[in-house]
mmCIF file of all heavy atoms, coordinates in Angstrom:
data_MODEL
# 
_entry.id   MODEL 
# 
loop_
_atom_site.group_PDB 
_atom_site.id 
_atom_site.type_symbol 
_atom_site.label_atom_id 
_atom_site.label_alt_id 
_atom_site.label_comp_id 
_atom_site.label_asym_id 
_atom_site.label_entity_id 
_atom_site.label_seq_id 
_atom_site.pdbx_PDB_ins_code 
_atom_site.Cartn_x 
_atom_site.Cartn_y 
_atom_site.Cartn_z 
_atom_site.occupancy 
_atom_site.B_iso_or_equiv 
_atom_site.pdbx_formal_charge 
_atom_site.auth_seq_id 
_atom_site.auth_comp_id 
_atom_site.auth_asym_id 
_atom_site.auth_atom_id 
_atom_site.pdbx_PDB_model_num 
ATOM 1   N N   . GLU A 1 1  ? -7.350  3.644   -10.322 1.00 0.00 ? 1  GLU A N   1 
ATOM 2   C CA  . GLU A 1 1  ? -7.708  2.362   -9.614  1.00 0.00 ? 1  GLU A CA  1 
ATOM 3   C C   . GLU A 1 1  ? -7.653  1.193   -10.602 1.00 0.00 ? 1  GLU A C   1 
ATOM 4   O O   . GLU A 1 1  ? -8.219  1.335   -11.692 1.00 0.00 ? 1  GLU A O   1 
ATOM 5   C CB  . GLU A 1 1  ? -9.094  2.462   -8.962  1.00 0.00 ? 1  GLU A CB  1 
ATOM 6   C CG  . GLU A 1 1  ? -9.506  1.231   -8.191  1.00 0.00 ? 1  GLU A CG  1 
ATOM 7   C CD  . GLU A 1 1  ? -8.523  0.880   -7.124  1.00 0.00 ? 1  GLU A CD  1 
ATOM 8   O OE1 . GLU A 1 1  ? -8.334  1.734   -6.188  1.00 0.00 ? 1  GLU A OE1 1 
ATOM 9   O OE2 . GLU A 1 1  ? -7.884  -0.163  -7.224  1.00 0.00 ? 1  GLU A OE2 1 
ATOM 10  N N   . THR A 1 2  ? -6.982  0.122   -10.229 1.00 0.00 ? 2  THR A N   1 
ATOM 11  C CA  . THR A 1 2  ? -6.845  -1.053  -11.098 1.00 0.00 ? 2  THR A CA  1 
ATOM 12  C C   . THR A 1 2  ? -7.573  -2.303  -10.591 1.00 0.00 ? 2  THR A C   1 
ATOM 13  O O   . THR A 1 2  ? -7.514  -3.311  -11.220 1.00 0.00 ? 2  THR A O   1 
ATOM 14  C CB  . THR A 1 2  ? -5.373  -1.367  -11.333 1.00 0.00 ? 2  THR A CB  1 
ATOM 15  O OG1 . THR A 1 2  ? -4.743  -1.581  -10.105 1.00 0.00 ? 2  THR A OG1 1 
ATOM 16  C CG2 . THR A 1 2  ? -4.695  -0.229  -12.087 1.00 0.00 ? 2  THR A CG2 1 
ATOM 17  N N   . GLN A 1 3  ? -8.118  -2.230  -9.349  1.00 0.00 ? 3  GLN A N   1 
ATOM 18  C CA  . GLN A 1 3  ? -8.757  -3.427  -8.824  1.00 0.00 ? 3  GLN A CA  1 
ATOM 19  C C   . GLN A 1 3  ? -10.161 -3.571  -9.424  1.00 0.00 ? 3  GLN A C   1 
ATOM 20  O O   . GLN A 1 3  ? -10.955 -2.629  -9.528  1.00 0.00 ? 3  GLN A O   1 
ATOM 21  C CB  . GLN A 1 3  ? -8.888  -3.282  -7.270  1.00 0.00 ? 3  GLN A CB  1 
ATOM 22  C CG  . GLN A 1 3  ? -9.394  -4.585  -6.671  1.00 0.00 ? 3  GLN A CG  1 
ATOM 23  C CD  . GLN A 1 3  ? -9.431  -4.501  -5.143  1.00 0.00 ? 3  GLN A CD  1 
ATOM 24  O OE1 . GLN A 1 3  ? -10.468 -4.433  -4.566  1.00 0.00 ? 3  GLN A OE1 1 
ATOM 25  N NE2 . GLN A 1 3  ? -8.256  -4.557  -4.541  1.00 0.00 ? 3  GLN A NE2 1 
ATOM 26  N N   . ARG A 1 4  ? -10.467 -4.770  -9.825  1.00 0.00 ? 4  ARG A N   1 
ATOM 27  C CA  . ARG A 1 4  ? -11.798 -5.043  -10.470 1.00 0.00 ? 4  ARG A CA  1 
ATOM 28  C C   . ARG A 1 4  ? -12.847 -4.718  -9.435  1.00 0.00 ? 4  ARG A C   1 
ATOM 29  O O   . ARG A 1 4  ? -12.687 -4.853  -8.217  1.00 0.00 ? 4  ARG A O   1 
ATOM 30  C CB  . ARG A 1 4  ? -11.917 -6.537  -10.840 1.00 0.00 ? 4  ARG A CB  1 
ATOM 31  C CG  . ARG A 1 4  ? -11.119 -6.965  -12.067 1.00 0.00 ? 4  ARG A CG  1 
ATOM 32  C CD  . ARG A 1 4  ? -11.351 -8.352  -12.387 1.00 0.00 ? 4  ARG A CD  1 
ATOM 33  N NE  . ARG A 1 4  ? -10.547 -8.828  -13.511 1.00 0.00 ? 4  ARG A NE  1 
ATOM 34  C CZ  . ARG A 1 4  ? -10.846 -8.706  -14.800 1.00 0.00 ? 4  ARG A CZ  1 
ATOM 35  N NH1 . ARG A 1 4  ? -11.980 -8.178  -15.155 1.00 0.00 ? 4  ARG A NH1 1 
ATOM 36  N NH2 . ARG A 1 4  ? -10.046 -9.125  -15.724 1.00 0.00 ? 4  ARG A NH2 1 
ATOM 37  N N   . GLY A 1 5  ? -14.006 -4.214  -9.925  1.00 0.00 ? 5  GLY A N   1 
ATOM 38  C CA  . GLY A 1 5  ? -15.063 -3.849  -9.069  1.00 0.00 ? 5  GLY A CA  1 
ATOM 39  C C   . GLY A 1 5  ? -15.630 -2.451  -9.386  1.00 0.00 ? 5  GLY A C   1 
ATOM 40  O O   . GLY A 1 5  ? -15.328 -1.885  -10.453 1.00 0.00 ? 5  GLY A O   1 
ATOM 41  N N   . HIS A 1 6  ? -16.350 -1.933  -8.474  1.00 0.00 ? 6  HIS A N   1 
ATOM 42  C CA  . HIS A 1 6  ? -17.098 -0.694  -8.631  1.00 0.00 ? 6  HIS A CA  1 
ATOM 43  C C   . HIS A 1 6  ? -16.117 0.468   -8.933  1.00 0.00 ? 6  HIS A C   1 
ATOM 44  O O   . HIS A 1 6  ? -16.458 1.457   -9.649  1.00 0.00 ? 6  HIS A O   1 
ATOM 45  C CB  . HIS A 1 6  ? -17.946 -0.317  -7.481  1.00 0.00 ? 6  HIS A CB  1 
ATOM 46  C CG  . HIS A 1 6  ? -18.865 0.810   -7.633  1.00 0.00 ? 6  HIS A CG  1 
ATOM 47  N ND1 . HIS A 1 6  ? -19.959 0.825   -8.461  1.00 0.00 ? 6  HIS A ND1 1 
ATOM 48  C CD2 . HIS A 1 6  ? -18.754 2.046   -7.107  1.00 0.00 ? 6  HIS A CD2 1 
ATOM 49  C CE1 . HIS A 1 6  ? -20.549 1.983   -8.367  1.00 0.00 ? 6  HIS A CE1 1 
ATOM 50  N NE2 . HIS A 1 6  ? -19.821 2.786   -7.608  1.00 0.00 ? 6  HIS A NE2 1 
ATOM 51  N N   . GLN A 1 7  ? -14.889 0.490   -8.371  1.00 0.00 ? 7  GLN A N   1 
ATOM 52  C CA  . GLN A 1 7  ? -13.962 1.535   -8.433  1.00 0.00 ? 7  GLN A CA  1 
ATOM 53  C C   . GLN A 1 7  ? -13.001 1.469   -9.630  1.00 0.00 ? 7  GLN A C   1 
ATOM 54  O O   . GLN A 1 7  ? -12.281 2.438   -9.807  1.00 0.00 ? 7  GLN A O   1 
ATOM 55  C CB  . GLN A 1 7  ? -13.160 1.632   -7.104  1.00 0.00 ? 7  GLN A CB  1 
ATOM 56  C CG  . GLN A 1 7  ? -13.937 1.808   -5.844  1.00 0.00 ? 7  GLN A CG  1 
ATOM 57  C CD  . GLN A 1 7  ? -14.784 3.091   -5.814  1.00 0.00 ? 7  GLN A CD  1 
ATOM 58  O OE1 . GLN A 1 7  ? -14.288 4.110   -6.262  1.00 0.00 ? 7  GLN A OE1 1 
ATOM 59  N NE2 . GLN A 1 7  ? -15.981 3.034   -5.232  1.00 0.00 ? 7  GLN A NE2 1 
ATOM 60  N N   . LEU A 1 8  ? -13.063 0.358   -10.349 1.00 0.00 ? 8  LEU A N   1 
ATOM 61  C CA  . LEU A 1 8  ? -12.151 0.198   -11.459 1.00 0.00 ? 8  LEU A CA  1 
ATOM 62  C C   . LEU A 1 8  ? -12.143 1.393   -12.438 1.00 0.00 ? 8  LEU A C   1 
ATOM 63  O O   . LEU A 1 8  ? -13.148 1.809   -12.915 1.00 0.00 ? 8  LEU A O   1 
ATOM 64  C CB  . LEU A 1 8  ? -12.465 -1.060  -12.264 1.00 0.00 ? 8  LEU A CB  1 
ATOM 65  C CG  . LEU A 1 8  ? -11.590 -1.445  -13.406 1.00 0.00 ? 8  LEU A CG  1 
ATOM 66  C CD1 . LEU A 1 8  ? -10.145 -1.673  -13.022 1.00 0.00 ? 8  LEU A CD1 1 
ATOM 67  C CD2 . LEU A 1 8  ? -12.153 -2.592  -14.223 1.00 0.00 ? 8  LEU A CD2 1 
ATOM 68  N N   . GLY A 1 9  ? -10.923 1.902   -12.682 1.00 0.00 ? 9  GLY A N   1 
ATOM 69  C CA  . GLY A 1 9  ? -10.778 3.017   -13.592 1.00 0.00 ? 9  GLY A CA  1 
ATOM 70  C C   . GLY A 1 9  ? -10.956 4.411   -13.051 1.00 0.00 ? 9  GLY A C   1 
ATOM 71  O O   . GLY A 1 9  ? -10.799 5.423   -13.709 1.00 0.00 ? 9  GLY A O   1 
ATOM 72  N N   . ARG A 1 10 ? -11.337 4.428   -11.746 1.00 0.00 ? 10 ARG A N   1 
ATOM 73  C CA  . ARG A 1 10 ? -11.601 5.748   -11.104 1.00 0.00 ? 10 ARG A CA  1 
ATOM 74  C C   . ARG A 1 10 ? -10.326 6.582   -11.013 1.00 0.00 ? 10 ARG A C   1 
ATOM 75  O O   . ARG A 1 10 ? -9.201  6.002   -10.729 1.00 0.00 ? 10 ARG A O   1 
ATOM 76  C CB  . ARG A 1 10 ? -12.173 5.576   -9.724  1.00 0.00 ? 10 ARG A CB  1 
ATOM 77  C CG  . ARG A 1 10 ? -12.525 6.821   -9.014  1.00 0.00 ? 10 ARG A CG  1 
ATOM 78  C CD  . ARG A 1 10 ? -13.198 6.576   -7.693  1.00 0.00 ? 10 ARG A CD  1 
ATOM 79  N NE  . ARG A 1 10 ? -14.509 5.923   -7.837  1.00 0.00 ? 10 ARG A NE  1 
ATOM 80  C CZ  . ARG A 1 10 ? -15.657 6.645   -8.043  1.00 0.00 ? 10 ARG A CZ  1 
ATOM 81  N NH1 . ARG A 1 10 ? -15.634 7.890   -8.098  1.00 0.00 ? 10 ARG A NH1 1 
ATOM 82  N NH2 . ARG A 1 10 ? -16.812 5.970   -8.196  1.00 0.00 ? 10 ARG A NH2 1 
ATOM 83  N N   . VAL A 1 11 ? -10.374 7.866   -11.257 1.00 0.00 ? 11 VAL A N   1 
ATOM 84  C CA  . VAL A 1 11 ? -9.217  8.726   -11.121 1.00 0.00 ? 11 VAL A CA  1 
ATOM 85  C C   . VAL A 1 11 ? -9.106  9.259   -9.718  1.00 0.00 ? 11 VAL A C   1 
ATOM 86  O O   . VAL A 1 11 ? -10.129 9.785   -9.154  1.00 0.00 ? 11 VAL A O   1 
ATOM 87  C CB  . VAL A 1 11 ? -9.312  9.889   -12.124 1.00 0.00 ? 11 VAL A CB  1 
ATOM 88  C CG1 . VAL A 1 11 ? -8.031  10.738  -11.983 1.00 0.00 ? 11 VAL A CG1 1 
ATOM 89  C CG2 . VAL A 1 11 ? -9.485  9.398   -13.531 1.00 0.00 ? 11 VAL A CG2 1 
ATOM 90  N N   . ILE A 1 12 ? -7.927  9.141   -9.105  1.00 0.00 ? 12 ILE A N   1 
ATOM 91  C CA  . ILE A 1 12 ? -7.674  9.576   -7.713  1.00 0.00 ? 12 ILE A CA  1 
ATOM 92  C C   . ILE A 1 12 ? -6.660  10.734  -7.758  1.00 0.00 ? 12 ILE A C   1 
ATOM 93  O O   . ILE A 1 12 ? -5.546  10.507  -8.308  1.00 0.00 ? 12 ILE A O   1 
ATOM 94  C CB  . ILE A 1 12 ? -7.164  8.424   -6.877  1.00 0.00 ? 12 ILE A CB  1 
ATOM 95  C CG1 . ILE A 1 12 ? -8.118  7.281   -6.879  1.00 0.00 ? 12 ILE A CG1 1 
ATOM 96  C CG2 . ILE A 1 12 ? -6.903  8.885   -5.452  1.00 0.00 ? 12 ILE A CG2 1 
ATOM 97  C CD1 . ILE A 1 12 ? -7.518  5.982   -6.391  1.00 0.00 ? 12 ILE A CD1 1 
ATOM 98  N N   . PHE A 1 13 ? -7.112  11.900  -7.233  1.00 0.00 ? 13 PHE A N   1 
ATOM 99  C CA  . PHE A 1 13 ? -6.213  13.016  -7.253  1.00 0.00 ? 13 PHE A CA  1 
ATOM 100 C C   . PHE A 1 13 ? -5.524  13.294  -5.915  1.00 0.00 ? 13 PHE A C   1 
ATOM 101 O O   . PHE A 1 13 ? -4.621  14.056  -5.773  1.00 0.00 ? 13 PHE A O   1 
ATOM 102 C CB  . PHE A 1 13 ? -6.924  14.234  -7.756  1.00 0.00 ? 13 PHE A CB  1 
ATOM 103 C CG  . PHE A 1 13 ? -7.289  14.202  -9.213  1.00 0.00 ? 13 PHE A CG  1 
ATOM 104 C CD1 . PHE A 1 13 ? -8.639  14.089  -9.572  1.00 0.00 ? 13 PHE A CD1 1 
ATOM 105 C CD2 . PHE A 1 13 ? -6.354  14.342  -10.222 1.00 0.00 ? 13 PHE A CD2 1 
ATOM 106 C CE1 . PHE A 1 13 ? -9.035  14.063  -10.911 1.00 0.00 ? 13 PHE A CE1 1 
ATOM 107 C CE2 . PHE A 1 13 ? -6.689  14.240  -11.587 1.00 0.00 ? 13 PHE A CE2 1 
ATOM 108 C CZ  . PHE A 1 13 ? -8.046  14.122  -11.904 1.00 0.00 ? 13 PHE A CZ  1 
ATOM 109 N N   . ASN A 1 14 ? -6.109  12.643  -4.850  1.00 0.00 ? 14 ASN A N   1 
ATOM 110 C CA  . ASN A 1 14 ? -5.577  12.755  -3.535  1.00 0.00 ? 14 ASN A CA  1 
ATOM 111 C C   . ASN A 1 14 ? -5.606  11.377  -2.916  1.00 0.00 ? 14 ASN A C   1 
ATOM 112 O O   . ASN A 1 14 ? -6.683  10.887  -2.667  1.00 0.00 ? 14 ASN A O   1 
ATOM 113 C CB  . ASN A 1 14 ? -6.302  13.798  -2.694  1.00 0.00 ? 14 ASN A CB  1 
ATOM 114 C CG  . ASN A 1 14 ? -6.111  15.239  -3.180  1.00 0.00 ? 14 ASN A CG  1 
ATOM 115 O OD1 . ASN A 1 14 ? -4.996  15.795  -2.974  1.00 0.00 ? 14 ASN A OD1 1 
ATOM 116 N ND2 . ASN A 1 14 ? -7.089  15.808  -3.788  1.00 0.00 ? 14 ASN A ND2 1 
ATOM 117 N N   . GLY A 1 15 ? -4.499  10.749  -2.599  1.00 0.00 ? 15 GLY A N   1 
ATOM 118 C CA  . GLY A 1 15 ? -4.508  9.494   -1.962  1.00 0.00 ? 15 GLY A CA  1 
ATOM 119 C C   . GLY A 1 15 ? -4.062  8.400   -2.882  1.00 0.00 ? 15 GLY A C   1 
ATOM 120 O O   . GLY A 1 15 ? -3.452  8.643   -3.934  1.00 0.00 ? 15 GLY A O   1 
ATOM 121 N N   . SER A 1 16 ? -4.315  7.140   -2.480  1.00 0.00 ? 16 SER A N   1 
ATOM 122 C CA  . SER A 1 16 ? -3.827  5.986   -3.164  1.00 0.00 ? 16 SER A CA  1 
ATOM 123 C C   . SER A 1 16 ? -4.915  5.060   -3.608  1.00 0.00 ? 16 SER A C   1 
ATOM 124 O O   . SER A 1 16 ? -6.090  5.200   -3.169  1.00 0.00 ? 16 SER A O   1 
ATOM 125 C CB  . SER A 1 16 ? -2.860  5.206   -2.215  1.00 0.00 ? 16 SER A CB  1 
ATOM 126 O OG  . SER A 1 16 ? -1.803  6.039   -1.769  1.00 0.00 ? 16 SER A OG  1 
ATOM 127 N N   . ALA A 1 17 ? -4.561  4.129   -4.508  1.00 0.00 ? 17 ALA A N   1 
ATOM 128 C CA  . ALA A 1 17 ? -5.477  3.079   -4.966  1.00 0.00 ? 17 ALA A CA  1 
ATOM 129 C C   . ALA A 1 17 ? -5.677  2.053   -3.836  1.00 0.00 ? 17 ALA A C   1 
ATOM 130 O O   . ALA A 1 17 ? -4.976  2.137   -2.861  1.00 0.00 ? 17 ALA A O   1 
ATOM 131 C CB  . ALA A 1 17 ? -4.923  2.418   -6.225  1.00 0.00 ? 17 ALA A CB  1 
ATOM 132 N N   . ILE A 1 18 ? -6.641  1.203   -4.013  1.00 0.00 ? 18 ILE A N   1 
ATOM 133 C CA  . ILE A 1 18 ? -6.862  0.134   -3.024  1.00 0.00 ? 18 ILE A CA  1 
ATOM 134 C C   . ILE A 1 18 ? -5.684  -0.722  -2.924  1.00 0.00 ? 18 ILE A C   1 
ATOM 135 O O   . ILE A 1 18 ? -5.079  -1.132  -3.919  1.00 0.00 ? 18 ILE A O   1 
ATOM 136 C CB  . ILE A 1 18 ? -8.152  -0.719  -3.486  1.00 0.00 ? 18 ILE A CB  1 
ATOM 137 C CG1 . ILE A 1 18 ? -9.368  0.152   -3.568  1.00 0.00 ? 18 ILE A CG1 1 
ATOM 138 C CG2 . ILE A 1 18 ? -8.306  -1.859  -2.483  1.00 0.00 ? 18 ILE A CG2 1 
ATOM 139 C CD1 . ILE A 1 18 ? -10.511 -0.487  -4.204  1.00 0.00 ? 18 ILE A CD1 1 
ATOM 140 N N   . PRO A 1 19 ? -5.180  -1.032  -1.701  1.00 0.00 ? 19 PRO A N   1 
ATOM 141 C CA  . PRO A 1 19 ? -3.990  -1.853  -1.528  1.00 0.00 ? 19 PRO A CA  1 
ATOM 142 C C   . PRO A 1 19 ? -4.127  -3.176  -2.197  1.00 0.00 ? 19 PRO A C   1 
ATOM 143 O O   . PRO A 1 19 ? -5.194  -3.734  -2.318  1.00 0.00 ? 19 PRO A O   1 
ATOM 144 C CB  . PRO A 1 19 ? -3.824  -1.993  -0.041  1.00 0.00 ? 19 PRO A CB  1 
ATOM 145 C CG  . PRO A 1 19 ? -4.578  -0.814  0.555   1.00 0.00 ? 19 PRO A CG  1 
ATOM 146 C CD  . PRO A 1 19 ? -5.739  -0.550  -0.411  1.00 0.00 ? 19 PRO A CD  1 
ATOM 147 N N   . ASN A 1 20 ? -3.018  -3.735  -2.664  1.00 0.00 ? 20 ASN A N   1 
ATOM 148 C CA  . ASN A 1 20 ? -2.961  -5.012  -3.311  1.00 0.00 ? 20 ASN A CA  1 
ATOM 149 C C   . ASN A 1 20 ? -3.436  -6.133  -2.313  1.00 0.00 ? 20 ASN A C   1 
ATOM 150 O O   . ASN A 1 20 ? -2.904  -6.267  -1.252  1.00 0.00 ? 20 ASN A O   1 
ATOM 151 C CB  . ASN A 1 20 ? -1.598  -5.297  -3.773  1.00 0.00 ? 20 ASN A CB  1 
ATOM 152 C CG  . ASN A 1 20 ? -1.525  -6.694  -4.484  1.00 0.00 ? 20 ASN A CG  1 
ATOM 153 O OD1 . ASN A 1 20 ? -2.427  -7.116  -5.171  1.00 0.00 ? 20 ASN A OD1 1 
ATOM 154 N ND2 . ASN A 1 20 ? -0.331  -7.337  -4.368  1.00 0.00 ? 20 ASN A ND2 1 
ATOM 155 N N   . THR A 1 21 ? -4.439  -6.888  -2.706  1.00 0.00 ? 21 THR A N   1 
ATOM 156 C CA  . THR A 1 21 ? -4.971  -7.939  -1.840  1.00 0.00 ? 21 THR A CA  1 
ATOM 157 C C   . THR A 1 21 ? -4.256  -9.267  -2.084  1.00 0.00 ? 21 THR A C   1 
ATOM 158 O O   . THR A 1 21 ? -4.302  -10.173 -1.277  1.00 0.00 ? 21 THR A O   1 
ATOM 159 C CB  . THR A 1 21 ? -6.453  -8.176  -2.100  1.00 0.00 ? 21 THR A CB  1 
ATOM 160 O OG1 . THR A 1 21 ? -6.642  -8.580  -3.493  1.00 0.00 ? 21 THR A OG1 1 
ATOM 161 C CG2 . THR A 1 21 ? -7.212  -6.879  -1.902  1.00 0.00 ? 21 THR A CG2 1 
ATOM 162 N N   . GLY A 1 22 ? -3.559  -9.400  -3.199  1.00 0.00 ? 22 GLY A N   1 
ATOM 163 C CA  . GLY A 1 22 ? -2.913  -10.640 -3.546  1.00 0.00 ? 22 GLY A CA  1 
ATOM 164 C C   . GLY A 1 22 ? -3.819  -11.657 -4.173  1.00 0.00 ? 22 GLY A C   1 
ATOM 165 O O   . GLY A 1 22 ? -3.445  -12.789 -4.512  1.00 0.00 ? 22 GLY A O   1 
ATOM 166 N N   . ILE A 1 23 ? -5.116  -11.329 -4.221  1.00 0.00 ? 23 ILE A N   1 
ATOM 167 C CA  . ILE A 1 23 ? -6.123  -12.209 -4.809  1.00 0.00 ? 23 ILE A CA  1 
ATOM 168 C C   . ILE A 1 23 ? -6.642  -11.657 -6.161  1.00 0.00 ? 23 ILE A C   1 
ATOM 169 O O   . ILE A 1 23 ? -7.166  -10.505 -6.161  1.00 0.00 ? 23 ILE A O   1 
ATOM 170 C CB  . ILE A 1 23 ? -7.338  -12.380 -3.823  1.00 0.00 ? 23 ILE A CB  1 
ATOM 171 C CG1 . ILE A 1 23 ? -6.861  -12.956 -2.519  1.00 0.00 ? 23 ILE A CG1 1 
ATOM 172 C CG2 . ILE A 1 23 ? -8.392  -13.320 -4.493  1.00 0.00 ? 23 ILE A CG2 1 
ATOM 173 C CD1 . ILE A 1 23 ? -7.926  -13.050 -1.472  1.00 0.00 ? 23 ILE A CD1 1 
ATOM 174 N N   . PRO A 1 24 ? -6.484  -12.271 -7.262  1.00 0.00 ? 24 PRO A N   1 
ATOM 175 C CA  . PRO A 1 24 ? -6.958  -11.760 -8.551  1.00 0.00 ? 24 PRO A CA  1 
ATOM 176 C C   . PRO A 1 24 ? -8.436  -11.574 -8.513  1.00 0.00 ? 24 PRO A C   1 
ATOM 177 O O   . PRO A 1 24 ? -9.240  -12.212 -7.830  1.00 0.00 ? 24 PRO A O   1 
ATOM 178 C CB  . PRO A 1 24 ? -6.581  -12.899 -9.475  1.00 0.00 ? 24 PRO A CB  1 
ATOM 179 C CG  . PRO A 1 24 ? -5.544  -13.751 -8.821  1.00 0.00 ? 24 PRO A CG  1 
ATOM 180 C CD  . PRO A 1 24 ? -5.871  -13.638 -7.363  1.00 0.00 ? 24 PRO A CD  1 
ATOM 181 N N   . GLY A 1 25 ? -8.883  -10.562 -9.384  1.00 0.00 ? 25 GLY A N   1 
ATOM 182 C CA  . GLY A 1 25 ? -10.319 -10.372 -9.496  1.00 0.00 ? 25 GLY A CA  1 
ATOM 183 C C   . GLY A 1 25 ? -11.078 -11.520 -10.075 1.00 0.00 ? 25 GLY A C   1 
ATOM 184 O O   . GLY A 1 25 ? -10.452 -12.357 -10.803 1.00 0.00 ? 25 GLY A O   1 
ATOM 185 N N   . ALA A 1 26 ? -12.303 -11.590 -9.767  1.00 0.00 ? 26 ALA A N   1 
ATOM 186 C CA  . ALA A 1 26 ? -13.135 -12.795 -10.184 1.00 0.00 ? 26 ALA A CA  1 
ATOM 187 C C   . ALA A 1 26 ? -13.445 -12.723 -11.657 1.00 0.00 ? 26 ALA A C   1 
ATOM 188 O O   . ALA A 1 26 ? -13.794 -11.668 -12.182 1.00 0.00 ? 26 ALA A O   1 
ATOM 189 C CB  . ALA A 1 26 ? -14.371 -12.907 -9.373  1.00 0.00 ? 26 ALA A CB  1 
ATOM 190 N N   . VAL A 1 27 ? -13.256 -13.838 -12.374 1.00 0.00 ? 27 VAL A N   1 
ATOM 191 C CA  . VAL A 1 27 ? -13.673 -14.032 -13.782 1.00 0.00 ? 27 VAL A CA  1 
ATOM 192 C C   . VAL A 1 27 ? -14.634 -15.228 -13.777 1.00 0.00 ? 27 VAL A C   1 
ATOM 193 O O   . VAL A 1 27 ? -14.120 -16.337 -13.462 1.00 0.00 ? 27 VAL A O   1 
ATOM 194 C CB  . VAL A 1 27 ? -12.487 -14.145 -14.689 1.00 0.00 ? 27 VAL A CB  1 
ATOM 195 C CG1 . VAL A 1 27 ? -12.963 -14.535 -16.100 1.00 0.00 ? 27 VAL A CG1 1 
ATOM 196 C CG2 . VAL A 1 27 ? -11.605 -12.891 -14.733 1.00 0.00 ? 27 VAL A CG2 1 
ATOM 197 N N   . ALA A 1 28 ? -15.813 -15.052 -14.117 1.00 0.00 ? 28 ALA A N   1 
ATOM 198 C CA  . ALA A 1 28 ? -16.805 -16.130 -14.120 1.00 0.00 ? 28 ALA A CA  1 
ATOM 199 C C   . ALA A 1 28 ? -16.835 -16.799 -12.672 1.00 0.00 ? 28 ALA A C   1 
ATOM 200 O O   . ALA A 1 28 ? -16.957 -17.997 -12.632 1.00 0.00 ? 28 ALA A O   1 
ATOM 201 C CB  . ALA A 1 28 ? -16.538 -17.100 -15.183 1.00 0.00 ? 28 ALA A CB  1 
ATOM 202 N N   . GLY A 1 29 ? -16.617 -16.030 -11.660 1.00 0.00 ? 29 GLY A N   1 
ATOM 203 C CA  . GLY A 1 29 ? -16.672 -16.543 -10.278 1.00 0.00 ? 29 GLY A CA  1 
ATOM 204 C C   . GLY A 1 29 ? -15.435 -17.083 -9.771  1.00 0.00 ? 29 GLY A C   1 
ATOM 205 O O   . GLY A 1 29 ? -15.348 -17.586 -8.692  1.00 0.00 ? 29 GLY A O   1 
# 
């Protein structure tokens, strides 16, 4: 998983990462 947030860095052995939202992760809000 590459999306910023609680799941960042999680290893997925079945299925896919969170779909691309097109919105960058928040940095300092």
